[in-house]
Amino acid sequence: MTPTKPRVATVWLGGCSGCHMSFLDMDERLIELTDKMELVYSPIVDTKEFPRDVDVALVEGAVSNVEQDELAHTIRRNSRIVVSFGDCAVSGNVTALRNRVTNEELLHRSYVELADVTPQIPREYETIAEMMKEARPLHEVIKVDAFVHGCPPTADTIWFAVSELLQGRMPAFSPVYLRYG
């Protein structure tokens, strides 16, 4: 019987997608990873629902709306190891800059002041998820097992962290940190 490969997910919450771009910057090492893991959920995989029995979930971005909050809890429930992936997930970083203004001010600036065509705020959040009062780093919403810092983390840092996790080792060096508790 062939042993099963670790099931890995990458998730993009509130952020710029730079962490996923760095993930893709691993270039030919991505092919090596496909021999060692099964990518079961990611912006680059056409899966709509977060699956069960995920071994490692790399979560990019801060939690800034109700849908992301629900997804974060689903990720924690369905994942053995959750990694806060990049500075937006670790500290809120750029995503948390919106915390300086109210949601109403943010919506007005985004949909009225900066609109090129049809300046109007979507009615009752018809086209956007309901925003939380503040964007929050992932560990303030769910338990996180490890942190990979960087804006974005380098491809080499991601490679090291993922390689260690796939071998059942928790990377515990800077810029990858283990959270206890």
N, C-alpha and C. Protein backbone atom coordinates (compact mmCIF):
# COMPACT_ATOMS: atom_id res chain seq x y z
N MET A 1 0.84 -1.18 0.00
CA MET A 1 0.00 0.00 0.00
C MET A 1 0.89 1.25 0.00
N THR A 2 0.59 2.19 -0.87
CA THR A 2 1.35 3.42 -0.97
C THR A 2 0.96 4.37 0.15
N PRO A 3 1.96 4.90 0.88
CA PRO A 3 1.61 5.86 1.93
C PRO A 3 0.99 7.11 1.31
N THR A 4 0.06 7.71 2.04
CA THR A 4 -0.58 8.92 1.52
C THR A 4 0.34 10.11 1.75
N LYS A 5 0.25 11.04 0.84
CA LYS A 5 1.03 12.27 0.93
C LYS A 5 0.33 13.21 1.92
N PRO A 6 1.11 14.04 2.62
CA PRO A 6 0.48 15.06 3.48
C PRO A 6 -0.42 15.97 2.64
N ARG A 7 -1.57 16.29 3.21
CA ARG A 7 -2.54 17.16 2.54
C ARG A 7 -2.26 18.60 2.97
N VAL A 8 -2.00 19.48 1.98
CA VAL A 8 -1.61 20.86 2.25
C VAL A 8 -2.63 21.80 1.62
N ALA A 9 -2.91 22.88 2.35
CA ALA A 9 -3.79 23.93 1.85
C ALA A 9 -3.07 25.27 1.97
N THR A 10 -3.30 26.15 1.00
CA THR A 10 -2.87 27.54 1.12
C THR A 10 -4.12 28.38 0.99
N VAL A 11 -4.22 29.39 1.85
CA VAL A 11 -5.44 30.20 1.92
C VAL A 11 -5.06 31.67 1.85
N TRP A 12 -5.84 32.43 1.13
CA TRP A 12 -5.63 33.87 0.99
C TRP A 12 -6.81 34.59 1.62
N LEU A 13 -6.58 35.25 2.76
CA LEU A 13 -7.62 36.05 3.42
C LEU A 13 -7.41 37.51 3.01
N GLY A 14 -7.43 38.44 3.98
CA GLY A 14 -7.28 39.86 3.66
C GLY A 14 -5.82 40.25 3.52
N GLY A 15 -5.35 40.38 2.31
CA GLY A 15 -3.96 40.75 2.04
C GLY A 15 -3.78 41.00 0.57
N CYS A 16 -2.55 41.07 0.14
CA CYS A 16 -2.25 41.49 -1.23
C CYS A 16 -1.95 40.33 -2.18
N SER A 17 -1.88 39.13 -1.71
CA SER A 17 -1.52 37.92 -2.45
C SER A 17 -0.02 37.76 -2.65
N GLY A 18 0.78 38.64 -2.07
CA GLY A 18 2.23 38.57 -2.22
C GLY A 18 2.81 37.27 -1.68
N CYS A 19 2.23 36.72 -0.62
CA CYS A 19 2.74 35.46 -0.06
C CYS A 19 2.55 34.32 -1.05
N HIS A 20 1.41 34.29 -1.72
CA HIS A 20 1.20 33.26 -2.73
C HIS A 20 2.12 33.46 -3.94
N MET A 21 2.42 34.71 -4.26
CA MET A 21 3.37 34.97 -5.35
C MET A 21 4.76 34.46 -4.96
N SER A 22 5.16 34.65 -3.69
CA SER A 22 6.45 34.11 -3.23
C SER A 22 6.43 32.59 -3.24
N PHE A 23 5.28 32.00 -2.89
CA PHE A 23 5.13 30.55 -2.94
C PHE A 23 5.40 30.07 -4.37
N LEU A 24 4.83 30.76 -5.34
CA LEU A 24 5.04 30.40 -6.75
C LEU A 24 6.46 30.68 -7.21
N ASP A 25 7.15 31.61 -6.53
CA ASP A 25 8.55 31.92 -6.86
C ASP A 25 9.51 30.77 -6.55
N MET A 26 9.00 29.71 -5.93
CA MET A 26 9.87 28.56 -5.68
C MET A 26 10.20 27.84 -6.99
N ASP A 27 9.53 28.24 -8.06
CA ASP A 27 9.81 27.74 -9.41
C ASP A 27 9.88 26.21 -9.46
N GLU A 28 11.03 25.67 -9.90
CA GLU A 28 11.14 24.21 -10.10
C GLU A 28 11.00 23.43 -8.80
N ARG A 29 11.22 24.08 -7.65
CA ARG A 29 11.03 23.37 -6.38
C ARG A 29 9.55 23.03 -6.15
N LEU A 30 8.65 23.74 -6.81
CA LEU A 30 7.23 23.40 -6.72
C LEU A 30 6.97 21.98 -7.24
N ILE A 31 7.68 21.61 -8.29
CA ILE A 31 7.52 20.26 -8.85
C ILE A 31 8.01 19.23 -7.84
N GLU A 32 9.09 19.54 -7.16
CA GLU A 32 9.59 18.65 -6.11
C GLU A 32 8.56 18.52 -4.98
N LEU A 33 7.90 19.63 -4.65
CA LEU A 33 6.88 19.58 -3.60
C LEU A 33 5.70 18.69 -4.00
N THR A 34 5.34 18.69 -5.28
CA THR A 34 4.19 17.88 -5.70
C THR A 34 4.44 16.39 -5.49
N ASP A 35 5.70 15.98 -5.44
CA ASP A 35 6.03 14.59 -5.13
C ASP A 35 5.87 14.28 -3.65
N LYS A 36 5.89 15.34 -2.83
CA LYS A 36 5.89 15.16 -1.37
C LYS A 36 4.56 15.49 -0.71
N MET A 37 3.64 16.13 -1.44
CA MET A 37 2.38 16.58 -0.83
C MET A 37 1.25 16.59 -1.85
N GLU A 38 0.05 16.67 -1.33
CA GLU A 38 -1.14 16.84 -2.15
C GLU A 38 -1.72 18.21 -1.83
N LEU A 39 -1.76 19.13 -2.80
CA LEU A 39 -2.32 20.45 -2.61
C LEU A 39 -3.84 20.32 -2.76
N VAL A 40 -4.56 20.45 -1.64
CA VAL A 40 -5.99 20.16 -1.63
C VAL A 40 -6.86 21.42 -1.63
N TYR A 41 -6.25 22.58 -1.37
CA TYR A 41 -7.02 23.83 -1.36
C TYR A 41 -6.04 24.97 -1.55
N SER A 42 -6.37 25.90 -2.46
CA SER A 42 -5.47 27.01 -2.74
C SER A 42 -6.12 27.91 -3.77
N PRO A 43 -5.69 29.18 -3.85
CA PRO A 43 -6.16 30.02 -4.95
C PRO A 43 -5.77 29.46 -6.32
N ILE A 44 -4.77 28.57 -6.35
CA ILE A 44 -4.35 27.99 -7.63
C ILE A 44 -4.97 26.62 -7.87
N VAL A 45 -5.89 26.19 -7.00
CA VAL A 45 -6.61 24.93 -7.15
C VAL A 45 -8.10 25.28 -7.16
N ASP A 46 -8.85 24.70 -8.03
CA ASP A 46 -10.27 25.04 -8.16
C ASP A 46 -11.14 24.23 -7.20
N THR A 47 -10.93 24.45 -5.91
CA THR A 47 -11.75 23.82 -4.87
C THR A 47 -12.49 24.93 -4.15
N LYS A 48 -13.79 24.81 -4.01
CA LYS A 48 -14.60 25.88 -3.44
C LYS A 48 -14.73 25.78 -1.92
N GLU A 49 -14.75 24.59 -1.36
CA GLU A 49 -14.92 24.42 0.09
C GLU A 49 -13.64 23.91 0.70
N PHE A 50 -13.31 24.45 1.89
CA PHE A 50 -12.12 24.00 2.57
C PHE A 50 -12.34 22.55 3.02
N PRO A 51 -11.42 21.65 2.66
CA PRO A 51 -11.62 20.21 2.92
C PRO A 51 -11.33 19.82 4.37
N ARG A 52 -11.71 18.62 4.71
CA ARG A 52 -11.39 18.03 6.02
C ARG A 52 -10.01 17.38 5.93
N ASP A 53 -9.47 17.06 7.09
CA ASP A 53 -8.23 16.28 7.20
C ASP A 53 -7.05 16.91 6.47
N VAL A 54 -6.85 18.21 6.65
CA VAL A 54 -5.69 18.89 6.09
C VAL A 54 -4.56 18.76 7.09
N ASP A 55 -3.38 18.40 6.61
CA ASP A 55 -2.23 18.27 7.50
C ASP A 55 -1.61 19.62 7.81
N VAL A 56 -1.39 20.45 6.79
CA VAL A 56 -0.76 21.76 6.97
C VAL A 56 -1.55 22.79 6.18
N ALA A 57 -1.96 23.87 6.87
CA ALA A 57 -2.65 24.98 6.21
C ALA A 57 -1.80 26.23 6.37
N LEU A 58 -1.37 26.79 5.23
CA LEU A 58 -0.64 28.06 5.21
C LEU A 58 -1.68 29.15 4.95
N VAL A 59 -1.87 30.04 5.93
CA VAL A 59 -2.93 31.04 5.82
C VAL A 59 -2.32 32.43 5.69
N GLU A 60 -2.53 33.04 4.54
CA GLU A 60 -2.03 34.40 4.25
C GLU A 60 -3.13 35.41 4.52
N GLY A 61 -2.77 36.53 5.12
CA GLY A 61 -3.69 37.66 5.26
C GLY A 61 -4.35 37.76 6.62
N ALA A 62 -4.79 38.97 6.92
CA ALA A 62 -5.52 39.23 8.15
C ALA A 62 -6.98 38.84 7.96
N VAL A 63 -7.68 38.70 9.07
CA VAL A 63 -9.11 38.40 9.05
C VAL A 63 -9.83 39.74 9.12
N SER A 64 -10.53 40.10 8.04
CA SER A 64 -11.12 41.43 7.98
C SER A 64 -12.62 41.46 7.69
N ASN A 65 -13.20 40.31 7.38
CA ASN A 65 -14.64 40.29 7.17
C ASN A 65 -15.25 39.00 7.73
N VAL A 66 -16.56 38.96 7.76
CA VAL A 66 -17.28 37.84 8.38
C VAL A 66 -16.99 36.52 7.66
N GLU A 67 -16.93 36.53 6.34
CA GLU A 67 -16.63 35.30 5.59
C GLU A 67 -15.24 34.77 5.93
N GLN A 68 -14.26 35.66 6.05
CA GLN A 68 -12.91 35.24 6.40
C GLN A 68 -12.86 34.69 7.84
N ASP A 69 -13.61 35.29 8.73
CA ASP A 69 -13.70 34.80 10.11
C ASP A 69 -14.24 33.37 10.13
N GLU A 70 -15.31 33.13 9.39
CA GLU A 70 -15.90 31.78 9.31
C GLU A 70 -14.91 30.81 8.69
N LEU A 71 -14.22 31.22 7.63
CA LEU A 71 -13.23 30.35 6.98
C LEU A 71 -12.09 30.03 7.93
N ALA A 72 -11.62 31.02 8.69
CA ALA A 72 -10.53 30.79 9.66
C ALA A 72 -10.92 29.71 10.66
N HIS A 73 -12.13 29.74 11.16
CA HIS A 73 -12.59 28.72 12.11
C HIS A 73 -12.71 27.35 11.44
N THR A 74 -13.15 27.32 10.20
CA THR A 74 -13.21 26.06 9.45
C THR A 74 -11.81 25.50 9.25
N ILE A 75 -10.86 26.36 8.90
CA ILE A 75 -9.47 25.93 8.72
C ILE A 75 -8.95 25.30 10.01
N ARG A 76 -9.17 25.95 11.13
CA ARG A 76 -8.66 25.43 12.40
C ARG A 76 -9.29 24.08 12.73
N ARG A 77 -10.59 23.97 12.52
CA ARG A 77 -11.30 22.70 12.80
C ARG A 77 -10.79 21.56 11.93
N ASN A 78 -10.42 21.87 10.69
CA ASN A 78 -10.11 20.83 9.71
C ASN A 78 -8.62 20.63 9.46
N SER A 79 -7.76 21.31 10.23
CA SER A 79 -6.31 21.25 9.96
C SER A 79 -5.54 20.83 11.21
N ARG A 80 -4.55 19.98 10.98
CA ARG A 80 -3.69 19.55 12.07
C ARG A 80 -2.74 20.67 12.47
N ILE A 81 -2.12 21.34 11.49
CA ILE A 81 -1.19 22.44 11.74
C ILE A 81 -1.64 23.65 10.93
N VAL A 82 -1.78 24.80 11.62
CA VAL A 82 -2.13 26.05 10.96
C VAL A 82 -0.94 26.99 11.07
N VAL A 83 -0.51 27.51 9.92
CA VAL A 83 0.65 28.40 9.85
C VAL A 83 0.17 29.80 9.45
N SER A 84 0.49 30.77 10.28
CA SER A 84 0.25 32.17 9.96
C SER A 84 1.33 32.57 8.96
N PHE A 85 0.94 32.84 7.73
CA PHE A 85 1.83 32.89 6.58
C PHE A 85 1.95 34.33 6.07
N GLY A 86 3.04 35.03 6.45
CA GLY A 86 3.26 36.40 6.01
C GLY A 86 2.81 37.41 7.06
N ASP A 87 3.31 38.63 6.93
CA ASP A 87 3.09 39.64 7.97
C ASP A 87 1.64 40.09 8.14
N CYS A 88 0.81 40.05 7.12
CA CYS A 88 -0.60 40.41 7.32
C CYS A 88 -1.28 39.40 8.24
N ALA A 89 -0.97 38.11 8.05
CA ALA A 89 -1.54 37.08 8.93
C ALA A 89 -0.92 37.14 10.32
N VAL A 90 0.37 37.46 10.40
CA VAL A 90 1.09 37.47 11.68
C VAL A 90 0.73 38.69 12.52
N SER A 91 0.68 39.87 11.90
CA SER A 91 0.51 41.11 12.68
C SER A 91 -0.63 42.00 12.21
N GLY A 92 -1.28 41.66 11.14
CA GLY A 92 -2.29 42.54 10.54
C GLY A 92 -1.70 43.40 9.44
N ASN A 93 -0.46 43.86 9.64
CA ASN A 93 0.34 44.60 8.67
C ASN A 93 -0.49 45.55 7.81
N VAL A 94 -0.36 45.51 6.51
CA VAL A 94 -1.01 46.46 5.61
C VAL A 94 -2.54 46.38 5.73
N THR A 95 -3.07 45.19 5.87
CA THR A 95 -4.53 45.03 5.96
C THR A 95 -5.09 45.79 7.16
N ALA A 96 -4.36 45.82 8.26
CA ALA A 96 -4.82 46.48 9.48
C ALA A 96 -4.74 48.01 9.40
N LEU A 97 -4.14 48.55 8.35
CA LEU A 97 -4.13 50.00 8.21
C LEU A 97 -5.54 50.57 8.14
N ARG A 98 -6.48 49.76 7.68
CA ARG A 98 -7.87 50.22 7.61
C ARG A 98 -8.48 50.42 8.99
N ASN A 99 -7.84 49.89 10.04
CA ASN A 99 -8.38 50.01 11.39
C ASN A 99 -8.39 51.46 11.89
N ARG A 100 -7.70 52.34 11.20
CA ARG A 100 -7.65 53.75 11.60
C ARG A 100 -8.91 54.53 11.25
N VAL A 101 -9.75 53.96 10.41
CA VAL A 101 -10.99 54.63 10.00
C VAL A 101 -12.17 53.69 10.25
N THR A 102 -13.36 54.25 10.28
CA THR A 102 -14.55 53.42 10.45
C THR A 102 -14.85 52.70 9.14
N ASN A 103 -15.65 51.66 9.23
CA ASN A 103 -16.06 50.94 8.02
C ASN A 103 -16.81 51.87 7.07
N GLU A 104 -17.63 52.76 7.63
CA GLU A 104 -18.39 53.68 6.79
C GLU A 104 -17.45 54.61 6.01
N GLU A 105 -16.41 55.13 6.69
CA GLU A 105 -15.44 55.98 6.01
C GLU A 105 -14.70 55.21 4.92
N LEU A 106 -14.34 53.98 5.22
CA LEU A 106 -13.63 53.14 4.27
C LEU A 106 -14.49 52.87 3.04
N LEU A 107 -15.74 52.50 3.26
CA LEU A 107 -16.64 52.24 2.14
C LEU A 107 -16.85 53.49 1.28
N HIS A 108 -17.04 54.63 1.93
CA HIS A 108 -17.25 55.88 1.19
C HIS A 108 -16.02 56.21 0.34
N ARG A 109 -14.84 56.10 0.94
CA ARG A 109 -13.60 56.40 0.20
C ARG A 109 -13.43 55.45 -0.98
N SER A 110 -13.68 54.17 -0.74
CA SER A 110 -13.46 53.15 -1.77
C SER A 110 -14.47 53.18 -2.89
N TYR A 111 -15.75 53.33 -2.54
CA TYR A 111 -16.81 53.18 -3.54
C TYR A 111 -17.39 54.49 -4.06
N VAL A 112 -17.11 55.60 -3.39
CA VAL A 112 -17.64 56.89 -3.84
C VAL A 112 -16.51 57.79 -4.30
N GLU A 113 -15.60 58.13 -3.39
CA GLU A 113 -14.54 59.10 -3.72
C GLU A 113 -13.59 58.59 -4.80
N LEU A 114 -13.27 57.32 -4.79
CA LEU A 114 -12.29 56.79 -5.74
C LEU A 114 -12.92 56.10 -6.96
N ALA A 115 -14.24 56.13 -7.05
CA ALA A 115 -14.93 55.46 -8.16
C ALA A 115 -14.77 56.23 -9.47
N ASP A 116 -14.51 55.51 -10.53
CA ASP A 116 -14.46 56.10 -11.86
C ASP A 116 -15.83 56.12 -12.52
N VAL A 117 -16.63 55.11 -12.20
CA VAL A 117 -17.95 54.95 -12.81
C VAL A 117 -18.94 54.60 -11.69
N THR A 118 -20.13 55.16 -11.74
CA THR A 118 -21.21 54.86 -10.83
C THR A 118 -20.78 54.87 -9.36
N PRO A 119 -20.42 56.01 -8.82
CA PRO A 119 -20.00 56.07 -7.42
C PRO A 119 -21.16 55.81 -6.46
N GLN A 120 -21.14 54.64 -5.85
CA GLN A 120 -22.18 54.31 -4.87
C GLN A 120 -21.70 53.15 -4.00
N ILE A 121 -22.10 53.18 -2.76
CA ILE A 121 -21.76 52.11 -1.83
C ILE A 121 -22.72 50.95 -2.09
N PRO A 122 -22.21 49.73 -2.18
CA PRO A 122 -23.11 48.58 -2.39
C PRO A 122 -24.20 48.55 -1.31
N ARG A 123 -25.41 48.25 -1.70
CA ARG A 123 -26.53 48.17 -0.76
C ARG A 123 -26.40 46.95 0.13
N GLU A 124 -26.45 47.19 1.43
CA GLU A 124 -26.47 46.09 2.40
C GLU A 124 -25.44 45.01 2.11
N TYR A 125 -24.26 45.43 1.71
CA TYR A 125 -23.17 44.49 1.43
C TYR A 125 -23.56 43.44 0.39
N GLU A 126 -24.31 43.86 -0.65
CA GLU A 126 -24.78 42.92 -1.66
C GLU A 126 -23.66 42.29 -2.48
N THR A 127 -22.55 43.00 -2.64
CA THR A 127 -21.48 42.46 -3.47
C THR A 127 -20.17 42.26 -2.70
N ILE A 128 -20.14 42.67 -1.46
CA ILE A 128 -18.93 42.48 -0.65
C ILE A 128 -19.32 41.84 0.68
N ALA A 129 -18.39 41.13 1.27
CA ALA A 129 -18.67 40.50 2.57
C ALA A 129 -18.76 41.58 3.64
N GLU A 130 -19.56 41.33 4.64
CA GLU A 130 -19.69 42.28 5.75
C GLU A 130 -18.35 42.41 6.48
N MET A 131 -17.86 43.63 6.55
CA MET A 131 -16.57 43.86 7.18
C MET A 131 -16.69 43.79 8.70
N MET A 132 -15.63 43.27 9.32
CA MET A 132 -15.55 43.31 10.77
C MET A 132 -15.12 44.71 11.17
N LYS A 133 -15.30 45.06 12.43
CA LYS A 133 -14.93 46.40 12.89
C LYS A 133 -13.45 46.67 12.64
N GLU A 134 -12.60 45.66 12.84
CA GLU A 134 -11.17 45.80 12.61
C GLU A 134 -10.63 44.56 11.92
N ALA A 135 -9.58 44.73 11.12
CA ALA A 135 -8.82 43.60 10.58
C ALA A 135 -7.95 43.08 11.72
N ARG A 136 -7.90 41.74 11.86
CA ARG A 136 -7.16 41.15 12.97
C ARG A 136 -6.18 40.10 12.47
N PRO A 137 -4.99 40.02 13.10
CA PRO A 137 -4.08 38.94 12.73
C PRO A 137 -4.71 37.59 13.04
N LEU A 138 -4.31 36.58 12.32
CA LEU A 138 -4.93 35.26 12.42
C LEU A 138 -4.94 34.71 13.84
N HIS A 139 -3.84 34.85 14.58
CA HIS A 139 -3.76 34.26 15.92
C HIS A 139 -4.71 34.91 16.92
N GLU A 140 -5.28 36.07 16.58
CA GLU A 140 -6.29 36.68 17.45
C GLU A 140 -7.67 36.08 17.19
N VAL A 141 -7.79 35.29 16.14
CA VAL A 141 -9.08 34.70 15.77
C VAL A 141 -9.09 33.20 16.05
N ILE A 142 -8.00 32.51 15.73
CA ILE A 142 -7.89 31.07 15.96
C ILE A 142 -6.50 30.74 16.51
N LYS A 143 -6.34 29.55 17.04
CA LYS A 143 -5.04 29.08 17.50
C LYS A 143 -4.16 28.83 16.27
N VAL A 144 -2.94 29.37 16.32
CA VAL A 144 -1.97 29.21 15.25
C VAL A 144 -0.79 28.42 15.80
N ASP A 145 -0.26 27.50 15.00
CA ASP A 145 0.83 26.63 15.46
C ASP A 145 2.21 27.16 15.11
N ALA A 146 2.33 27.89 14.01
CA ALA A 146 3.64 28.42 13.60
C ALA A 146 3.42 29.71 12.82
N PHE A 147 4.46 30.55 12.81
CA PHE A 147 4.41 31.84 12.14
C PHE A 147 5.55 31.92 11.14
N VAL A 148 5.24 32.29 9.91
CA VAL A 148 6.27 32.54 8.89
C VAL A 148 6.19 34.03 8.56
N HIS A 149 7.19 34.78 9.04
CA HIS A 149 7.21 36.22 8.86
C HIS A 149 7.74 36.61 7.48
N GLY A 150 7.43 37.84 7.09
CA GLY A 150 7.93 38.40 5.85
C GLY A 150 6.81 39.08 5.10
N CYS A 151 7.16 40.09 4.33
CA CYS A 151 6.17 40.82 3.55
C CYS A 151 6.69 40.99 2.12
N PRO A 152 6.56 39.93 1.36
CA PRO A 152 6.18 38.56 1.73
C PRO A 152 7.40 37.77 2.20
N PRO A 153 7.17 36.57 2.76
CA PRO A 153 8.32 35.72 3.06
C PRO A 153 9.02 35.35 1.76
N THR A 154 10.31 35.14 1.82
CA THR A 154 11.03 34.76 0.61
C THR A 154 10.68 33.33 0.20
N ALA A 155 10.90 33.03 -1.05
CA ALA A 155 10.67 31.66 -1.54
C ALA A 155 11.52 30.67 -0.75
N ASP A 156 12.76 31.04 -0.40
CA ASP A 156 13.62 30.15 0.38
C ASP A 156 13.06 29.90 1.77
N THR A 157 12.52 30.92 2.40
CA THR A 157 11.91 30.76 3.73
C THR A 157 10.70 29.84 3.65
N ILE A 158 9.86 30.06 2.65
CA ILE A 158 8.67 29.21 2.48
C ILE A 158 9.09 27.77 2.21
N TRP A 159 10.07 27.60 1.33
CA TRP A 159 10.57 26.26 1.01
C TRP A 159 11.03 25.55 2.28
N PHE A 160 11.83 26.23 3.09
CA PHE A 160 12.33 25.62 4.32
C PHE A 160 11.17 25.25 5.24
N ALA A 161 10.25 26.18 5.49
CA ALA A 161 9.13 25.93 6.41
C ALA A 161 8.27 24.76 5.92
N VAL A 162 7.90 24.77 4.65
CA VAL A 162 7.04 23.70 4.12
C VAL A 162 7.78 22.37 4.13
N SER A 163 9.06 22.36 3.75
CA SER A 163 9.84 21.12 3.75
C SER A 163 9.91 20.52 5.15
N GLU A 164 10.16 21.36 6.15
CA GLU A 164 10.23 20.87 7.53
C GLU A 164 8.88 20.32 7.98
N LEU A 165 7.82 21.05 7.70
CA LEU A 165 6.48 20.62 8.11
C LEU A 165 6.09 19.31 7.44
N LEU A 166 6.44 19.13 6.17
CA LEU A 166 6.11 17.91 5.46
C LEU A 166 6.87 16.71 6.00
N GLN A 167 8.01 16.97 6.65
CA GLN A 167 8.78 15.89 7.26
C GLN A 167 8.40 15.69 8.73
N GLY A 168 7.33 16.38 9.15
CA GLY A 168 6.85 16.20 10.51
C GLY A 168 7.61 16.99 11.55
N ARG A 169 8.44 17.93 11.10
CA ARG A 169 9.19 18.76 12.04
C ARG A 169 8.60 20.16 12.05
N MET A 170 8.51 20.72 13.25
CA MET A 170 8.02 22.09 13.38
C MET A 170 9.23 23.02 13.31
N PRO A 171 9.33 23.84 12.26
CA PRO A 171 10.47 24.75 12.16
C PRO A 171 10.43 25.74 13.32
N ALA A 172 11.55 25.92 14.01
CA ALA A 172 11.57 26.78 15.18
C ALA A 172 12.78 27.70 15.15
N PHE A 173 12.93 28.44 14.06
CA PHE A 173 14.01 29.41 13.96
C PHE A 173 13.47 30.67 13.29
N SER A 174 14.18 31.76 13.47
CA SER A 174 13.77 32.99 12.81
C SER A 174 14.01 32.84 11.31
N PRO A 175 13.11 33.26 10.44
CA PRO A 175 11.85 33.95 10.64
C PRO A 175 10.64 33.02 10.75
N VAL A 176 10.82 31.78 11.12
CA VAL A 176 9.70 30.87 11.34
C VAL A 176 9.63 30.61 12.83
N TYR A 177 8.49 30.89 13.44
CA TYR A 177 8.36 30.79 14.88
C TYR A 177 7.27 29.79 15.26
N LEU A 178 7.54 29.06 16.32
CA LEU A 178 6.57 28.13 16.88
C LEU A 178 5.79 28.83 17.95
N ARG A 179 4.49 28.69 17.96
CA ARG A 179 3.65 29.26 19.01
C ARG A 179 3.35 28.15 19.99
N TYR A 180 3.57 28.41 21.24
CA TYR A 180 3.26 27.45 22.30
C TYR A 180 1.97 27.88 22.97
N GLY A 181 1.08 26.92 23.23
CA GLY A 181 -0.13 27.24 23.99
C GLY A 181 -1.25 27.41 23.15
